Amino acid sequence: MDLRDFQQLIDKMYSHKDRERGSAGTFLWMMEEIGELAQAIGEGSDRQTKAAEFADVMAWLVTLANVEGVDLSEALHNKYGQGCPGCGKMVCSCDAKP
């Protein structure tokens, strides 16, 4: 499944709840999931546990994008599709993180 398909799937499954919760509430849920991912990484959890936490973080990021009306595929293409946003190269040569 590609990102656009996933974003549409999440919208279909949860949009009725997500829009009621709003951006602020959705952001807080996403941060909770990021904390769970950080804990899994920090504790050296097995790959399967970490993969599940990465999936949860992605789902909440997509949810927040849906609530905000952002097409993540388009946003990623626009920002990174032509190379590094800082130096414009496909293999970044920036001295600092863009």
PDB file of N, CA and C in Angstrom:
ATOM      1  N   MET A   1       0.853  -1.174   0.000  1.00  0.00           N
ATOM      2  CA  MET A   1       0.000   0.000   0.000  1.00  0.00           C
ATOM      3  C   MET A   1       0.897   1.234   0.000  1.00  0.00           C
ATOM      4  N   ASP A   2       0.570   2.200  -0.839  1.00  0.00           N
ATOM      5  CA  ASP A   2       1.357   3.423  -0.845  1.00  0.00           C
ATOM      6  C   ASP A   2       0.765   4.431   0.144  1.00  0.00           C
ATOM      7  N   LEU A   3       1.467   5.528   0.323  1.00  0.00           N
ATOM      8  CA  LEU A   3       1.069   6.518   1.324  1.00  0.00           C
ATOM      9  C   LEU A   3      -0.322   7.088   1.058  1.00  0.00           C
ATOM     10  N   ARG A   4      -0.612   7.400  -0.186  1.00  0.00           N
ATOM     11  CA  ARG A   4      -1.923   7.971  -0.511  1.00  0.00           C
ATOM     12  C   ARG A   4      -3.045   6.979  -0.183  1.00  0.00           C
ATOM     13  N   ASP A   5      -2.837   5.700  -0.525  1.00  0.00           N
ATOM     14  CA  ASP A   5      -3.827   4.669  -0.202  1.00  0.00           C
ATOM     15  C   ASP A   5      -4.021   4.563   1.306  1.00  0.00           C
ATOM     16  N   PHE A   6      -2.908   4.599   2.047  1.00  0.00           N
ATOM     17  CA  PHE A   6      -2.991   4.511   3.497  1.00  0.00           C
ATOM     18  C   PHE A   6      -3.735   5.711   4.073  1.00  0.00           C
ATOM     19  N   GLN A   7      -3.447   6.898   3.568  1.00  0.00           N
ATOM     20  CA  GLN A   7      -4.120   8.099   4.063  1.00  0.00           C
ATOM     21  C   GLN A   7      -5.622   8.011   3.802  1.00  0.00           C
ATOM     22  N   GLN A   8      -6.002   7.502   2.651  1.00  0.00           N
ATOM     23  CA  GLN A   8      -7.423   7.349   2.336  1.00  0.00           C
ATOM     24  C   GLN A   8      -8.076   6.274   3.206  1.00  0.00           C
ATOM     25  N   LEU A   9      -7.346   5.182   3.467  1.00  0.00           N
ATOM     26  CA  LEU A   9      -7.864   4.118   4.323  1.00  0.00           C
ATOM     27  C   LEU A   9      -8.129   4.636   5.734  1.00  0.00           C
ATOM     28  N   ILE A  10      -7.171   5.354   6.297  1.00  0.00           N
ATOM     29  CA  ILE A  10      -7.338   5.923   7.637  1.00  0.00           C
ATOM     30  C   ILE A  10      -8.501   6.903   7.659  1.00  0.00           C
ATOM     31  N   ASP A  11      -8.633   7.707   6.613  1.00  0.00           N
ATOM     32  CA  ASP A  11      -9.741   8.655   6.531  1.00  0.00           C
ATOM     33  C   ASP A  11     -11.078   7.922   6.526  1.00  0.00           C
ATOM     34  N   LYS A  12     -11.156   6.850   5.743  1.00  0.00           N
ATOM     35  CA  LYS A  12     -12.401   6.072   5.665  1.00  0.00           C
ATOM     36  C   LYS A  12     -12.742   5.437   7.013  1.00  0.00           C
ATOM     37  N   MET A  13     -11.743   4.892   7.692  1.00  0.00           N
ATOM     38  CA  MET A  13     -11.989   4.189   8.956  1.00  0.00           C
ATOM     39  C   MET A  13     -12.306   5.124  10.112  1.00  0.00           C
ATOM     40  N   TYR A  14     -11.635   6.281  10.155  1.00  0.00           N
ATOM     41  CA  TYR A  14     -11.678   7.084  11.383  1.00  0.00           C
ATOM     42  C   TYR A  14     -12.112   8.533  11.233  1.00  0.00           C
ATOM     43  N   SER A  15     -12.383   9.012  10.024  1.00  0.00           N
ATOM     44  CA  SER A  15     -12.608  10.451   9.845  1.00  0.00           C
ATOM     45  C   SER A  15     -13.738  10.998  10.704  1.00  0.00           C
ATOM     46  N   HIS A  16     -14.779  10.203  10.930  1.00  0.00           N
ATOM     47  CA  HIS A  16     -15.899  10.694  11.737  1.00  0.00           C
ATOM     48  C   HIS A  16     -15.445  11.020  13.162  1.00  0.00           C
ATOM     49  N   LYS A  17     -14.538  10.246  13.725  1.00  0.00           N
ATOM     50  CA  LYS A  17     -14.020  10.513  15.071  1.00  0.00           C
ATOM     51  C   LYS A  17     -12.952  11.604  15.040  1.00  0.00           C
ATOM     52  N   ASP A  18     -12.092  11.534  14.025  1.00  0.00           N
ATOM     53  CA  ASP A  18     -10.944  12.431  13.967  1.00  0.00           C
ATOM     54  C   ASP A  18     -11.356  13.891  13.863  1.00  0.00           C
ATOM     55  N   ARG A  19     -12.329  14.182  13.030  1.00  0.00           N
ATOM     56  CA  ARG A  19     -12.741  15.571  12.854  1.00  0.00           C
ATOM     57  C   ARG A  19     -13.428  16.116  14.104  1.00  0.00           C
ATOM     58  N   GLU A  20     -14.117  15.253  14.829  1.00  0.00           N
ATOM     59  CA  GLU A  20     -14.716  15.686  16.098  1.00  0.00           C
ATOM     60  C   GLU A  20     -13.644  15.994  17.139  1.00  0.00           C
ATOM     61  N   ARG A  21     -12.594  15.187  17.170  1.00  0.00           N
ATOM     62  CA  ARG A  21     -11.510  15.370  18.128  1.00  0.00           C
ATOM     63  C   ARG A  21     -10.729  16.636  17.811  1.00  0.00           C
ATOM     64  N   GLY A  22     -10.574  16.935  16.523  1.00  0.00           N
ATOM     65  CA  GLY A  22      -9.854  18.133  16.098  1.00  0.00           C
ATOM     66  C   GLY A  22      -8.352  17.958  16.081  1.00  0.00           C
ATOM     67  N   SER A  23      -7.688  18.984  15.617  1.00  0.00           N
ATOM     68  CA  SER A  23      -6.237  18.937  15.447  1.00  0.00           C
ATOM     69  C   SER A  23      -5.486  18.817  16.762  1.00  0.00           C
ATOM     70  N   ALA A  24      -5.877  19.598  17.746  1.00  0.00           N
ATOM     71  CA  ALA A  24      -5.147  19.587  19.017  1.00  0.00           C
ATOM     72  C   ALA A  24      -5.241  18.216  19.691  1.00  0.00           C
ATOM     73  N   GLY A  25      -6.430  17.652  19.753  1.00  0.00           N
ATOM     74  CA  GLY A  25      -6.604  16.333  20.359  1.00  0.00           C
ATOM     75  C   GLY A  25      -5.875  15.251  19.580  1.00  0.00           C
ATOM     76  N   THR A  26      -5.914  15.346  18.271  1.00  0.00           N
ATOM     77  CA  THR A  26      -5.230  14.376  17.417  1.00  0.00           C
ATOM     78  C   THR A  26      -3.722  14.476  17.603  1.00  0.00           C
ATOM     79  N   PHE A  27      -3.221  15.697  17.702  1.00  0.00           N
ATOM     80  CA  PHE A  27      -1.791  15.890  17.928  1.00  0.00           C
ATOM     81  C   PHE A  27      -1.363  15.259  19.247  1.00  0.00           C
ATOM     82  N   LEU A  28      -2.160  15.411  20.278  1.00  0.00           N
ATOM     83  CA  LEU A  28      -1.816  14.811  21.574  1.00  0.00           C
ATOM     84  C   LEU A  28      -1.767  13.291  21.489  1.00  0.00           C
ATOM     85  N   TRP A  29      -2.708  12.683  20.776  1.00  0.00           N
ATOM     86  CA  TRP A  29      -2.682  11.231  20.586  1.00  0.00           C
ATOM     87  C   TRP A  29      -1.422  10.825  19.833  1.00  0.00           C
ATOM     88  N   MET A  30      -1.058  11.597  18.804  1.00  0.00           N
ATOM     89  CA  MET A  30       0.145  11.288  18.040  1.00  0.00           C
ATOM     90  C   MET A  30       1.372  11.354  18.944  1.00  0.00           C
ATOM     91  N   MET A  31       1.447  12.347  19.802  1.00  0.00           N
ATOM     92  CA  MET A  31       2.590  12.480  20.705  1.00  0.00           C
ATOM     93  C   MET A  31       2.661  11.305  21.683  1.00  0.00           C
ATOM     94  N   GLU A  32       1.525  10.816  22.124  1.00  0.00           N
ATOM     95  CA  GLU A  32       1.516   9.635  22.990  1.00  0.00           C
ATOM     96  C   GLU A  32       2.121   8.437  22.255  1.00  0.00           C
ATOM     97  N   GLU A  33       1.749   8.285  20.988  1.00  0.00           N
ATOM     98  CA  GLU A  33       2.291   7.180  20.197  1.00  0.00           C
ATOM     99  C   GLU A  33       3.791   7.357  19.951  1.00  0.00           C
ATOM    100  N   ILE A  34       4.242   8.587  19.758  1.00  0.00           N
ATOM    101  CA  ILE A  34       5.676   8.842  19.606  1.00  0.00           C
ATOM    102  C   ILE A  34       6.405   8.456  20.888  1.00  0.00           C
ATOM    103  N   GLY A  35       5.804   8.740  22.020  1.00  0.00           N
ATOM    104  CA  GLY A  35       6.385   8.332  23.300  1.00  0.00           C
ATOM    105  C   GLY A  35       6.490   6.821  23.413  1.00  0.00           C
ATOM    106  N   GLU A  36       5.470   6.105  22.955  1.00  0.00           N
ATOM    107  CA  GLU A  36       5.508   4.646  22.987  1.00  0.00           C
ATOM    108  C   GLU A  36       6.595   4.107  22.060  1.00  0.00           C
ATOM    109  N   LEU A  37       6.786   4.745  20.906  1.00  0.00           N
ATOM    110  CA  LEU A  37       7.855   4.345  19.999  1.00  0.00           C
ATOM    111  C   LEU A  37       9.211   4.609  20.641  1.00  0.00           C
ATOM    112  N   ALA A  38       9.367   5.767  21.261  1.00  0.00           N
ATOM    113  CA  ALA A  38      10.626   6.094  21.935  1.00  0.00           C
ATOM    114  C   ALA A  38      10.935   5.074  23.027  1.00  0.00           C
ATOM    115  N   GLN A  39       9.923   4.673  23.748  1.00  0.00           N
ATOM    116  CA  GLN A  39      10.105   3.680  24.802  1.00  0.00           C
ATOM    117  C   GLN A  39      10.529   2.335  24.212  1.00  0.00           C
ATOM    118  N   ALA A  40       9.893   1.925  23.129  1.00  0.00           N
ATOM    119  CA  ALA A  40      10.236   0.655  22.486  1.00  0.00           C
ATOM    120  C   ALA A  40      11.680   0.668  21.983  1.00  0.00           C
ATOM    121  N   ILE A  41      12.094   1.789  21.415  1.00  0.00           N
ATOM    122  CA  ILE A  41      13.474   1.903  20.931  1.00  0.00           C
ATOM    123  C   ILE A  41      14.444   1.929  22.116  1.00  0.00           C
ATOM    124  N   GLY A  42      14.125   2.735  23.110  1.00  0.00           N
ATOM    125  CA  GLY A  42      14.991   2.882  24.280  1.00  0.00           C
ATOM    126  C   GLY A  42      15.165   1.606  25.075  1.00  0.00           C
ATOM    127  N   GLU A  43      14.126   0.807  25.117  1.00  0.00           N
ATOM    128  CA  GLU A  43      14.181  -0.447  25.877  1.00  0.00           C
ATOM    129  C   GLU A  43      14.750  -1.587  25.047  1.00  0.00           C
ATOM    130  N   GLY A  44      15.016  -1.329  23.778  1.00  0.00           N
ATOM    131  CA  GLY A  44      15.543  -2.385  22.920  1.00  0.00           C
ATOM    132  C   GLY A  44      14.517  -3.464  22.635  1.00  0.00           C
ATOM    133  N   SER A  45      13.263  -3.053  22.463  1.00  0.00           N
ATOM    134  CA  SER A  45      12.195  -4.007  22.154  1.00  0.00           C
ATOM    135  C   SER A  45      12.511  -4.740  20.860  1.00  0.00           C
ATOM    136  N   ASP A  46      11.848  -5.872  20.662  1.00  0.00           N
ATOM    137  CA  ASP A  46      12.076  -6.641  19.442  1.00  0.00           C
ATOM    138  C   ASP A  46      11.548  -5.888  18.225  1.00  0.00           C
ATOM    139  N   ARG A  47      11.990  -6.329  17.059  1.00  0.00           N
ATOM    140  CA  ARG A  47      11.651  -5.665  15.797  1.00  0.00           C
ATOM    141  C   ARG A  47      10.146  -5.574  15.579  1.00  0.00           C
ATOM    142  N   GLN A  48       9.415  -6.620  15.918  1.00  0.00           N
ATOM    143  CA  GLN A  48       7.958  -6.646  15.719  1.00  0.00           C
ATOM    144  C   GLN A  48       7.268  -5.573  16.562  1.00  0.00           C
ATOM    145  N   THR A  49       7.695  -5.422  17.797  1.00  0.00           N
ATOM    146  CA  THR A  49       7.115  -4.394  18.674  1.00  0.00           C
ATOM    147  C   THR A  49       7.414  -3.002  18.138  1.00  0.00           C
ATOM    148  N   LYS A  50       8.672  -2.784  17.729  1.00  0.00           N
ATOM    149  CA  LYS A  50       9.031  -1.473  17.174  1.00  0.00           C
ATOM    150  C   LYS A  50       8.258  -1.203  15.889  1.00  0.00           C
ATOM    151  N   ALA A  51       8.115  -2.207  15.043  1.00  0.00           N
ATOM    152  CA  ALA A  51       7.374  -2.025  13.787  1.00  0.00           C
ATOM    153  C   ALA A  51       5.933  -1.608  14.060  1.00  0.00           C
ATOM    154  N   ALA A  52       5.308  -2.222  15.050  1.00  0.00           N
ATOM    155  CA  ALA A  52       3.928  -1.872  15.403  1.00  0.00           C
ATOM    156  C   ALA A  52       3.843  -0.432  15.897  1.00  0.00           C
ATOM    157  N   GLU A  53       4.832   0.002  16.656  1.00  0.00           N
ATOM    158  CA  GLU A  53       4.837   1.383  17.155  1.00  0.00           C
ATOM    159  C   GLU A  53       5.087   2.373  16.021  1.00  0.00           C
ATOM    160  N   PHE A  54       5.976   2.031  15.079  1.00  0.00           N
ATOM    161  CA  PHE A  54       6.170   2.891  13.904  1.00  0.00           C
ATOM    162  C   PHE A  54       4.857   3.023  13.134  1.00  0.00           C
ATOM    163  N   ALA A  55       4.141   1.915  12.979  1.00  0.00           N
ATOM    164  CA  ALA A  55       2.859   1.942  12.256  1.00  0.00           C
ATOM    165  C   ALA A  55       1.856   2.840  12.966  1.00  0.00           C
ATOM    166  N   ASP A  56       1.818   2.773  14.298  1.00  0.00           N
ATOM    167  CA  ASP A  56       0.898   3.632  15.053  1.00  0.00           C
ATOM    168  C   ASP A  56       1.241   5.109  14.866  1.00  0.00           C
ATOM    169  N   VAL A  57       2.524   5.432  14.913  1.00  0.00           N
ATOM    170  CA  VAL A  57       2.944   6.829  14.719  1.00  0.00           C
ATOM    171  C   VAL A  57       2.541   7.307  13.321  1.00  0.00           C
ATOM    172  N   MET A  58       2.773   6.464  12.319  1.00  0.00           N
ATOM    173  CA  MET A  58       2.403   6.836  10.947  1.00  0.00           C
ATOM    174  C   MET A  58       0.894   7.041  10.829  1.00  0.00           C
ATOM    175  N   ALA A  59       0.126   6.168  11.458  1.00  0.00           N
ATOM    176  CA  ALA A  59      -1.334   6.295  11.393  1.00  0.00           C
ATOM    177  C   ALA A  59      -1.803   7.614  12.011  1.00  0.00           C
ATOM    178  N   TRP A  60      -1.208   7.995  13.129  1.00  0.00           N
ATOM    179  CA  TRP A  60      -1.620   9.242  13.766  1.00  0.00           C
ATOM    180  C   TRP A  60      -1.134  10.465  12.996  1.00  0.00           C
ATOM    181  N   LEU A  61       0.034  10.377  12.353  1.00  0.00           N
ATOM    182  CA  LEU A  61       0.497  11.471  11.500  1.00  0.00           C
ATOM    183  C   LEU A  61      -0.455  11.658  10.320  1.00  0.00           C
ATOM    184  N   VAL A  62      -0.851  10.544   9.705  1.00  0.00           N
ATOM    185  CA  VAL A  62      -1.801  10.585   8.594  1.00  0.00           C
ATOM    186  C   VAL A  62      -3.141  11.129   9.066  1.00  0.00           C
ATOM    187  N   THR A  63      -3.563  10.727  10.244  1.00  0.00           N
ATOM    188  CA  THR A  63      -4.818  11.230  10.813  1.00  0.00           C
ATOM    189  C   THR A  63      -4.771  12.745  10.968  1.00  0.00           C
ATOM    190  N   LEU A  64      -3.678  13.244  11.524  1.00  0.00           N
ATOM    191  CA  LEU A  64      -3.538  14.692  11.702  1.00  0.00           C
ATOM    192  C   LEU A  64      -3.543  15.408  10.351  1.00  0.00           C
ATOM    193  N   ALA A  65      -2.867  14.840   9.376  1.00  0.00           N
ATOM    194  CA  ALA A  65      -2.878  15.429   8.033  1.00  0.00           C
ATOM    195  C   ALA A  65      -4.293  15.449   7.471  1.00  0.00           C
ATOM    196  N   ASN A  66      -5.048  14.386   7.676  1.00  0.00           N
ATOM    197  CA  ASN A  66      -6.436  14.358   7.204  1.00  0.00           C
ATOM    198  C   ASN A  66      -7.273  15.440   7.863  1.00  0.00           C
ATOM    199  N   VAL A  67      -7.142  15.585   9.164  1.00  0.00           N
ATOM    200  CA  VAL A  67      -7.908  16.609   9.880  1.00  0.00           C
ATOM    201  C   VAL A  67      -7.554  17.997   9.355  1.00  0.00           C
ATOM    202  N   GLU A  68      -6.283  18.197   9.014  1.00  0.00           N
ATOM    203  CA  GLU A  68      -5.810  19.490   8.522  1.00  0.00           C
ATOM    204  C   GLU A  68      -5.991  19.667   7.015  1.00  0.00           C
ATOM    205  N   GLY A  69      -6.443  18.615   6.323  1.00  0.00           N
ATOM    206  CA  GLY A  69      -6.656  18.712   4.885  1.00  0.00           C
ATOM    207  C   GLY A  69      -5.379  18.696   4.065  1.00  0.00           C
ATOM    208  N   VAL A  70      -4.362  18.010   4.540  1.00  0.00           N
ATOM    209  CA  VAL A  70      -3.075  17.943   3.849  1.00  0.00           C
ATOM    210  C   VAL A  70      -2.918  16.576   3.190  1.00  0.00           C
ATOM    211  N   ASP A  71      -2.635  16.569   1.901  1.00  0.00           N
ATOM    212  CA  ASP A  71      -2.306  15.353   1.167  1.00  0.00           C
ATOM    213  C   ASP A  71      -0.813  15.117   1.357  1.00  0.00           C
ATOM    214  N   LEU A  72      -0.468  14.113   2.154  1.00  0.00           N
ATOM    215  CA  LEU A  72       0.933  13.886   2.480  1.00  0.00           C
ATOM    216  C   LEU A  72       1.771  13.503   1.264  1.00  0.00           C
ATOM    217  N   SER A  73       1.210  12.736   0.346  1.00  0.00           N
ATOM    218  CA  SER A  73       1.961  12.373  -0.859  1.00  0.00           C
ATOM    219  C   SER A  73       2.368  13.620  -1.627  1.00  0.00           C
ATOM    220  N   GLU A  74       1.444  14.520  -1.792  1.00  0.00           N
ATOM    221  CA  GLU A  74       1.727  15.775  -2.493  1.00  0.00           C
ATOM    222  C   GLU A  74       2.734  16.624  -1.718  1.00  0.00           C
ATOM    223  N   ALA A  75       2.545  16.703  -0.409  1.00  0.00           N
ATOM    224  CA  ALA A  75       3.450  17.504   0.422  1.00  0.00           C
ATOM    225  C   ALA A  75       4.883  16.973   0.357  1.00  0.00           C
ATOM    226  N   LEU A  76       5.031  15.644   0.423  1.00  0.00           N
ATOM    227  CA  LEU A  76       6.364  15.045   0.353  1.00  0.00           C
ATOM    228  C   LEU A  76       7.005  15.272  -1.013  1.00  0.00           C
ATOM    229  N   HIS A  77       6.216  15.097  -2.044  1.00  0.00           N
ATOM    230  CA  HIS A  77       6.744  15.309  -3.393  1.00  0.00           C
ATOM    231  C   HIS A  77       7.188  16.764  -3.562  1.00  0.00           C
ATOM    232  N   ASN A  78       6.356  17.694  -3.123  1.00  0.00           N
ATOM    233  CA  ASN A  78       6.680  19.117  -3.266  1.00  0.00           C
ATOM    234  C   ASN A  78       7.938  19.508  -2.491  1.00  0.00           C
ATOM    235  N   LYS A  79       8.115  18.942  -1.309  1.00  0.00           N
ATOM    236  CA  LYS A  79       9.255  19.347  -0.480  1.00  0.00           C
ATOM    237  C   LYS A  79      10.523  18.568  -0.798  1.00  0.00           C
ATOM    238  N   TYR A  80      10.415  17.260  -1.068  1.00  0.00           N
ATOM    239  CA  TYR A  80      11.598  16.418  -1.223  1.00  0.00           C
ATOM    240  C   TYR A  80      11.749  15.769  -2.596  1.00  0.00           C
ATOM    241  N   GLY A  81      10.787  15.938  -3.469  1.00  0.00           N
ATOM    242  CA  GLY A  81      10.793  15.257  -4.759  1.00  0.00           C
ATOM    243  C   GLY A  81      11.904  15.661  -5.708  1.00  0.00           C
ATOM    244  N   GLN A  82      12.479  16.826  -5.506  1.00  0.00           N
ATOM    245  CA  GLN A  82      13.554  17.295  -6.393  1.00  0.00           C
ATOM    246  C   GLN A  82      14.914  17.272  -5.703  1.00  0.00           C
ATOM    247  N   GLY A  83      14.970  16.666  -4.526  1.00  0.00           N
ATOM    248  CA  GLY A  83      16.233  16.597  -3.788  1.00  0.00           C
ATOM    249  C   GLY A  83      16.123  17.301  -2.449  1.00  0.00           C
ATOM    250  N   CYS A  84      17.257  17.458  -1.818  1.00  0.00           N
ATOM    251  CA  CYS A  84      17.327  18.094  -0.507  1.00  0.00           C
ATOM    252  C   CYS A  84      16.763  19.513  -0.579  1.00  0.00           C
ATOM    253  N   PRO A  85      15.859  19.878   0.340  1.00  0.00           N
ATOM    254  CA  PRO A  85      15.321  21.243   0.326  1.00  0.00           C
ATOM    255  C   PRO A  85      16.386  22.313   0.579  1.00  0.00           C
ATOM    256  N   GLY A  86      17.503  21.932   1.196  1.00  0.00           N
ATOM    257  CA  GLY A  86      18.555  22.905   1.483  1.00  0.00           C
ATOM    258  C   GLY A  86      19.493  23.143   0.317  1.00  0.00           C
ATOM    259  N   CYS A  87      20.088  22.058  -0.203  1.00  0.00           N
ATOM    260  CA  CYS A  87      21.096  22.199  -1.261  1.00  0.00           C
ATOM    261  C   CYS A  87      20.570  21.823  -2.641  1.00  0.00           C
ATOM    262  N   GLY A  88      19.416  21.172  -2.697  1.00  0.00           N
ATOM    263  CA  GLY A  88      18.818  20.792  -3.976  1.00  0.00           C
ATOM    264  C   GLY A  88      19.389  19.536  -4.604  1.00  0.00           C
ATOM    265  N   LYS A  89      20.335  18.876  -3.918  1.00  0.00           N
ATOM    266  CA  LYS A  89      20.966  17.666  -4.460  1.00  0.00           C
ATOM    267  C   LYS A  89      20.242  16.417  -3.958  1.00  0.00           C
ATOM    268  N   MET A  90      20.298  15.347  -4.760  1.00  0.00           N
ATOM    269  CA  MET A  90      19.695  14.084  -4.347  1.00  0.00           C
ATOM    270  C   MET A  90      20.462  13.432  -3.203  1.00  0.00           C
ATOM    271  N   VAL A  91      21.758  13.627  -3.159  1.00  0.00           N
ATOM    272  CA  VAL A  91      22.557  13.211  -2.014  1.00  0.00           C
ATOM    273  C   VAL A  91      22.993  14.496  -1.315  1.00  0.00           C
ATOM    274  N   CYS A  92      22.371  14.748  -0.177  1.00  0.00           N
ATOM    275  CA  CYS A  92      22.563  16.020   0.525  1.00  0.00           C
ATOM    276  C   CYS A  92      24.028  16.311   0.813  1.00  0.00           C
ATOM    277  N   SER A  93      24.404  17.556   0.550  1.00  0.00           N
ATOM    278  CA  SER A  93      25.759  18.000   0.871  1.00  0.00           C
ATOM    279  C   SER A  93      25.720  19.213   1.804  1.00  0.00           C
ATOM    280  N   CYS A  94      24.593  19.432   2.460  1.00  0.00           N
ATOM    281  CA  CYS A  94      24.464  20.539   3.410  1.00  0.00           C
ATOM    282  C   CYS A  94      25.355  20.282   4.627  1.00  0.00           C
ATOM    283  N   ASP A  95      25.869  21.349   5.192  1.00  0.00           N
ATOM    284  CA  ASP A  95      26.637  21.231   6.424  1.00  0.00           C
ATOM    285  C   ASP A  95      25.717  21.022   7.633  1.00  0.00           C
ATOM    286  N   ALA A  96      24.540  21.609   7.566  1.00  0.00           N
ATOM    287  CA  ALA A  96      23.580  21.498   8.673  1.00  0.00           C
ATOM    288  C   ALA A  96      22.313  20.835   8.163  1.00  0.00           C
ATOM    289  N   LYS A  97      21.566  20.267   9.081  1.00  0.00           N
ATOM    290  CA  LYS A  97      20.287  19.632   8.746  1.00  0.00           C
ATOM    291  C   LYS A  97      19.323  20.687   8.224  1.00  0.00           C
ATOM    292  N   PRO A  98      18.689  20.431   7.032  1.00  0.00           N
ATOM    293  CA  PRO A  98      17.761  21.438   6.495  1.00  0.00           C
ATOM    294  C   PRO A  98      16.478  21.519   7.288  1.00  0.00           C
TER     295      PRO A  98
END
